[in-house]
Amino acid sequence: MENESHQPVALVTGASRGIGRAIAVELARTHRVVATYRGRRDCAESLRAETGAEIVQCDIASAADREALIGFTRERMGRLDLLVNNAGIAPAERRDILEASQESFDALIATNLKGPYFLTQLAARWMLEQGAGRIVFVTSISAYTASLNRGEYCVSKAGLSMAVALYAARLAPHGIGVFEIRPGIVRTDMIAKVEKAYEERIAAGLLPQRRMGEGTDVARAVRAIADGLLDYCAGQVLDVDGGFHLRTL
């Protein structure tokens, strides 16, 4: 392992479980990792024991928490080479859009869209000071796929997809790459209640690649970005979805 002061630093939000954990584990092979969690400290401690990552409790929807997170990373690490905006939540209850509540809408917009949008603003200012950096947004196929029983989730991810385009256009002239990764149906806690139904639909032909995604599939896409393999692909969208985005007739 190279001298720690020269080792790149990655900040991964929502890293205690699921896709975020897989990303943090992958990046820990080459980066010093700052990993955030919101509620499950036990999962975050397990990640720290496995990877040596620094763990920080952070509600990405909170401006104060976002400021504190960047402050911690500056003080502890001194640099930021890669930001992975992964933290996100699903509706507490899936409801038809004619029945969904404003409270659920506000919660998802705050965490899934406003939080990463303004965390990226803070990180981008720092990266401009450094003259380098890369930023990844983990969105979803829900950015363009209408699910009528979780409309607020779809709207939040569609907005996040536009945030990628905005930041990519703003930062590309300064050598800072911004990328979008759109996972499809990935085996995580978030889909546990509907996992069996998804498995049945995949077996019936929902996906050209007849399997559910795993967190490691997304982590490998982040690896390609982290290693600079896509540095001439400003604003690139990577569909990690088993071919869900393909249209066939």
Protein backbone atom coordinates (compact mmCIF):
# COMPACT_ATOMS: atom_id res chain seq x y z
CA MET A 1 0.00 0.00 0.00
CA GLU A 2 1.35 3.39 -0.96
CA ASN A 3 2.14 6.05 1.61
CA GLU A 4 -1.16 7.05 3.20
CA SER A 5 -0.76 10.78 2.54
CA HIS A 6 -0.58 10.06 -1.20
CA GLN A 7 -3.38 7.51 -1.23
CA PRO A 8 -6.58 8.84 -2.86
CA VAL A 9 -9.65 9.49 -0.76
CA ALA A 10 -13.21 8.40 -1.54
CA LEU A 11 -16.32 9.59 0.26
CA VAL A 12 -19.24 7.16 -0.04
CA THR A 13 -22.63 8.10 1.36
CA GLY A 14 -25.07 5.49 2.60
CA ALA A 15 -22.27 2.96 2.83
CA SER A 16 -23.27 0.77 5.75
CA ARG A 17 -25.48 -1.60 3.74
CA GLY A 18 -26.45 -2.68 0.25
CA ILE A 19 -24.97 -1.03 -2.81
CA GLY A 20 -23.08 1.57 -0.78
CA ARG A 21 -21.33 -1.07 1.27
CA ALA A 22 -20.27 -2.97 -1.83
CA ILE A 23 -18.86 0.25 -3.28
CA ALA A 24 -16.99 1.08 -0.08
CA VAL A 25 -15.49 -2.40 0.14
CA GLU A 26 -14.33 -2.21 -3.48
CA LEU A 27 -12.82 1.27 -3.13
CA ALA A 28 -11.05 0.41 0.12
CA ARG A 29 -8.61 -1.70 -1.92
CA THR A 30 -7.10 1.50 -3.34
CA HIS A 31 -8.54 4.46 -1.45
CA ARG A 32 -8.87 5.78 2.04
CA VAL A 33 -12.63 5.66 2.48
CA VAL A 34 -14.98 7.89 4.44
CA ALA A 35 -18.28 6.04 4.74
CA THR A 36 -21.50 7.56 6.00
CA TYR A 37 -24.44 5.91 7.69
CA ARG A 38 -27.67 7.27 9.09
CA GLY A 39 -29.09 4.82 11.61
CA ARG A 40 -27.43 1.40 11.59
CA ARG A 41 -24.19 2.00 13.47
CA ASP A 42 -23.70 -1.75 13.88
CA CYS A 43 -23.50 -2.14 10.11
CA ALA A 44 -21.14 0.82 9.85
CA GLU A 45 -18.88 -0.62 12.56
CA SER A 46 -18.81 -3.90 10.67
CA LEU A 47 -17.73 -2.04 7.52
CA ARG A 48 -14.98 -0.26 9.46
CA ALA A 49 -13.72 -3.57 10.86
CA GLU A 50 -13.67 -5.09 7.37
CA THR A 51 -12.11 -2.21 5.46
CA GLY A 52 -10.58 0.30 7.85
CA ALA A 53 -12.94 2.98 6.56
CA GLU A 54 -13.65 6.08 8.60
CA ILE A 55 -17.36 6.05 9.48
CA VAL A 56 -19.44 9.18 9.98
CA GLN A 57 -23.07 9.37 11.04
CA CYS A 58 -24.77 11.70 8.60
CA ASP A 59 -28.33 12.46 7.59
CA ILE A 60 -27.71 13.60 4.05
CA ALA A 61 -30.95 15.62 4.16
CA SER A 62 -29.46 17.87 6.86
CA ALA A 63 -27.43 20.90 5.75
CA ALA A 64 -25.56 20.89 9.06
CA ASP A 65 -24.67 17.21 8.65
CA ARG A 66 -23.45 17.81 5.10
CA GLU A 67 -21.21 20.66 6.22
CA ALA A 68 -19.88 18.56 9.10
CA LEU A 69 -19.16 15.65 6.77
CA ILE A 70 -17.07 17.73 4.40
CA GLY A 71 -15.36 19.38 7.36
CA PHE A 72 -14.50 15.98 8.83
CA THR A 73 -13.11 14.75 5.53
CA ARG A 74 -10.99 17.89 5.09
CA GLU A 75 -9.59 17.65 8.60
CA ARG A 76 -9.02 13.92 8.71
CA MET A 77 -8.04 13.18 5.10
CA GLY A 78 -6.86 16.50 3.66
CA ARG A 79 -8.12 15.72 0.15
CA LEU A 80 -11.09 14.35 -1.75
CA ASP A 81 -10.58 12.45 -4.99
CA LEU A 82 -13.95 10.74 -5.39
CA LEU A 83 -17.44 11.46 -4.11
CA VAL A 84 -20.02 8.71 -4.49
CA ASN A 85 -23.54 9.99 -3.86
CA ASN A 86 -25.23 6.72 -2.97
CA ALA A 87 -27.41 7.45 0.09
CA GLY A 88 -31.10 7.17 -0.60
CA ILE A 89 -34.37 5.96 0.86
CA ALA A 90 -37.51 4.29 -0.44
CA PRO A 91 -41.03 5.23 0.63
CA ALA A 92 -41.93 3.83 4.03
CA GLU A 93 -45.10 2.52 2.39
CA ARG A 94 -45.80 1.98 -1.30
CA ARG A 95 -48.97 3.86 -2.22
CA ASP A 96 -50.69 4.70 -5.48
CA ILE A 97 -49.88 8.26 -6.56
CA LEU A 98 -53.50 9.23 -5.90
CA GLU A 99 -53.07 8.22 -2.26
CA ALA A 100 -49.42 9.09 -1.51
CA SER A 101 -48.70 11.68 1.16
CA GLN A 102 -46.89 14.99 0.94
CA GLU A 103 -44.83 13.94 3.96
CA SER A 104 -43.43 10.95 2.07
CA PHE A 105 -42.74 13.11 -0.99
CA ASP A 106 -40.89 15.71 1.08
CA ALA A 107 -38.80 13.05 2.85
CA LEU A 108 -37.68 11.41 -0.37
CA ILE A 109 -36.89 14.67 -2.14
CA ALA A 110 -34.86 15.85 0.87
CA THR A 111 -32.78 12.68 1.12
CA ASN A 112 -32.59 11.44 -2.47
CA LEU A 113 -32.31 14.74 -4.34
CA LYS A 114 -31.68 17.83 -2.22
CA GLY A 115 -29.10 16.10 -0.04
CA PRO A 116 -26.77 14.85 -2.78
CA TYR A 117 -27.34 18.00 -4.86
CA PHE A 118 -25.98 20.24 -2.13
CA LEU A 119 -23.36 17.80 -0.85
CA THR A 120 -21.99 17.81 -4.39
CA GLN A 121 -21.93 21.60 -4.33
CA LEU A 122 -19.66 21.50 -1.28
CA ALA A 123 -17.46 18.75 -2.71
CA ALA A 124 -17.21 20.43 -6.11
CA ARG A 125 -15.97 23.68 -4.58
CA TRP A 126 -13.25 21.71 -2.79
CA MET A 127 -12.33 19.79 -5.94
CA LEU A 128 -12.03 23.07 -7.83
CA GLU A 129 -9.51 24.20 -5.21
CA GLN A 130 -7.59 20.96 -5.74
CA GLY A 131 -7.88 21.13 -9.50
CA ALA A 132 -9.07 17.51 -9.74
CA GLY A 133 -11.70 15.03 -8.64
CA ARG A 134 -14.46 12.72 -9.76
CA ILE A 135 -18.10 12.57 -8.72
CA VAL A 136 -20.57 9.69 -9.07
CA PHE A 137 -24.32 9.80 -8.57
CA VAL A 138 -26.06 6.49 -7.99
CA THR A 139 -29.55 6.98 -9.38
CA SER A 140 -31.88 4.20 -10.53
CA ILE A 141 -33.83 2.87 -13.48
CA SER A 142 -36.63 4.68 -11.65
CA ALA A 143 -35.20 7.88 -13.14
CA TYR A 144 -37.14 6.99 -16.30
CA THR A 145 -39.40 4.07 -15.30
CA ALA A 146 -42.84 4.93 -13.93
CA SER A 147 -43.79 2.95 -10.83
CA LEU A 148 -47.25 4.13 -9.87
CA ASN A 149 -46.98 2.90 -6.28
CA ARG A 150 -43.83 4.88 -5.48
CA GLY A 151 -44.04 8.00 -7.57
CA GLU A 152 -42.08 10.11 -5.10
CA TYR A 153 -39.10 7.77 -5.47
CA CYS A 154 -39.23 8.03 -9.27
CA VAL A 155 -39.45 11.83 -9.16
CA SER A 156 -36.49 12.05 -6.78
CA LYS A 157 -34.32 9.86 -9.01
CA ALA A 158 -35.36 11.68 -12.19
CA GLY A 159 -34.32 14.94 -10.57
CA LEU A 160 -31.03 13.41 -9.49
CA SER A 161 -30.36 12.35 -13.07
CA MET A 162 -30.69 15.98 -14.17
CA ALA A 163 -28.36 17.01 -11.35
CA VAL A 164 -25.71 14.79 -12.96
CA ALA A 165 -26.09 16.61 -16.28
CA LEU A 166 -25.90 20.00 -14.60
CA TYR A 167 -22.79 19.26 -12.55
CA ALA A 168 -21.12 17.42 -15.44
CA ALA A 169 -21.55 20.44 -17.72
CA ARG A 170 -20.39 22.86 -15.03
CA LEU A 171 -17.31 20.93 -13.95
CA ALA A 172 -16.04 19.27 -17.14
CA PRO A 173 -14.10 22.38 -18.25
CA HIS A 174 -12.15 22.12 -14.98
CA GLY A 175 -11.18 18.48 -15.41
CA ILE A 176 -13.67 17.16 -12.85
CA GLY A 177 -15.66 14.21 -14.17
CA VAL A 178 -19.27 13.67 -13.13
CA PHE A 179 -21.01 10.38 -13.87
CA GLU A 180 -24.34 8.66 -13.34
CA ILE A 181 -24.76 5.01 -12.49
CA ARG A 182 -28.29 3.68 -12.90
CA PRO A 183 -28.72 0.38 -11.07
CA GLY A 184 -31.62 -1.83 -12.02
CA ILE A 185 -33.09 -4.49 -9.77
CA VAL A 186 -30.32 -5.10 -7.24
CA ARG A 187 -30.52 -7.45 -4.28
CA THR A 188 -30.58 -5.15 -1.23
CA ASP A 189 -32.61 -4.63 1.94
CA MET A 190 -34.62 -2.01 0.04
CA ILE A 191 -36.33 -4.63 -2.14
CA ALA A 192 -36.49 -7.46 0.41
CA LYS A 193 -40.29 -7.40 0.59
CA VAL A 194 -40.70 -7.71 -3.17
CA GLU A 195 -37.58 -9.73 -3.98
CA LYS A 196 -39.49 -12.94 -4.72
CA ALA A 197 -41.83 -11.16 -7.12
CA TYR A 198 -38.89 -9.61 -8.93
CA GLU A 199 -37.14 -12.98 -9.17
CA GLU A 200 -40.24 -14.45 -10.79
CA ARG A 201 -40.51 -11.60 -13.29
CA ILE A 202 -36.82 -11.86 -14.16
CA ALA A 203 -37.18 -15.60 -14.77
CA ALA A 204 -40.14 -14.81 -17.03
CA GLY A 205 -38.03 -12.49 -19.19
CA LEU A 206 -38.12 -9.03 -17.58
CA LEU A 207 -34.35 -8.68 -18.05
CA PRO A 208 -32.27 -9.75 -21.07
CA GLN A 209 -29.67 -10.98 -18.58
CA ARG A 210 -31.69 -13.46 -16.55
CA ARG A 211 -30.49 -12.63 -13.08
CA MET A 212 -30.92 -10.02 -10.38
CA GLY A 213 -28.09 -7.54 -9.92
CA GLU A 214 -25.75 -7.58 -6.94
CA GLY A 215 -24.06 -4.71 -5.16
CA THR A 216 -20.73 -5.84 -6.59
CA ASP A 217 -22.04 -5.19 -10.11
CA VAL A 218 -22.50 -1.52 -9.24
CA ALA A 219 -19.19 -1.42 -7.36
CA ARG A 220 -17.33 -2.55 -10.48
CA ALA A 221 -18.82 0.35 -12.45
CA VAL A 222 -17.60 2.74 -9.76
CA ARG A 223 -14.20 1.08 -9.97
CA ALA A 224 -13.93 1.93 -13.67
CA ILE A 225 -14.64 5.59 -12.87
CA ALA A 226 -12.30 5.66 -9.88
CA ASP A 227 -9.47 4.25 -11.99
CA GLY A 228 -9.88 6.97 -14.60
CA LEU A 229 -11.04 4.65 -17.37
CA LEU A 230 -13.92 6.99 -18.26
CA ASP A 231 -12.16 10.32 -17.93
CA TYR A 232 -13.17 11.40 -21.47
CA CYS A 233 -16.83 10.53 -20.84
CA ALA A 234 -18.18 13.61 -19.05
CA GLY A 235 -21.74 13.07 -17.87
CA GLN A 236 -21.80 9.43 -18.97
CA VAL A 237 -24.72 7.30 -17.80
CA LEU A 238 -23.82 3.70 -16.94
CA ASP A 239 -26.81 1.37 -16.95
CA VAL A 240 -26.06 -1.42 -14.49
CA ASP A 241 -29.37 -3.14 -15.02
CA GLY A 242 -28.98 -6.46 -16.81
CA GLY A 243 -30.18 -4.83 -20.02
CA PHE A 244 -33.46 -3.49 -18.62
CA HIS A 245 -33.02 -0.26 -20.60
CA LEU A 246 -33.01 -2.11 -23.93
CA ARG A 247 -36.17 -1.86 -26.00
CA THR A 248 -37.01 -4.96 -27.98
CA LEU A 249 -39.89 -5.81 -30.23
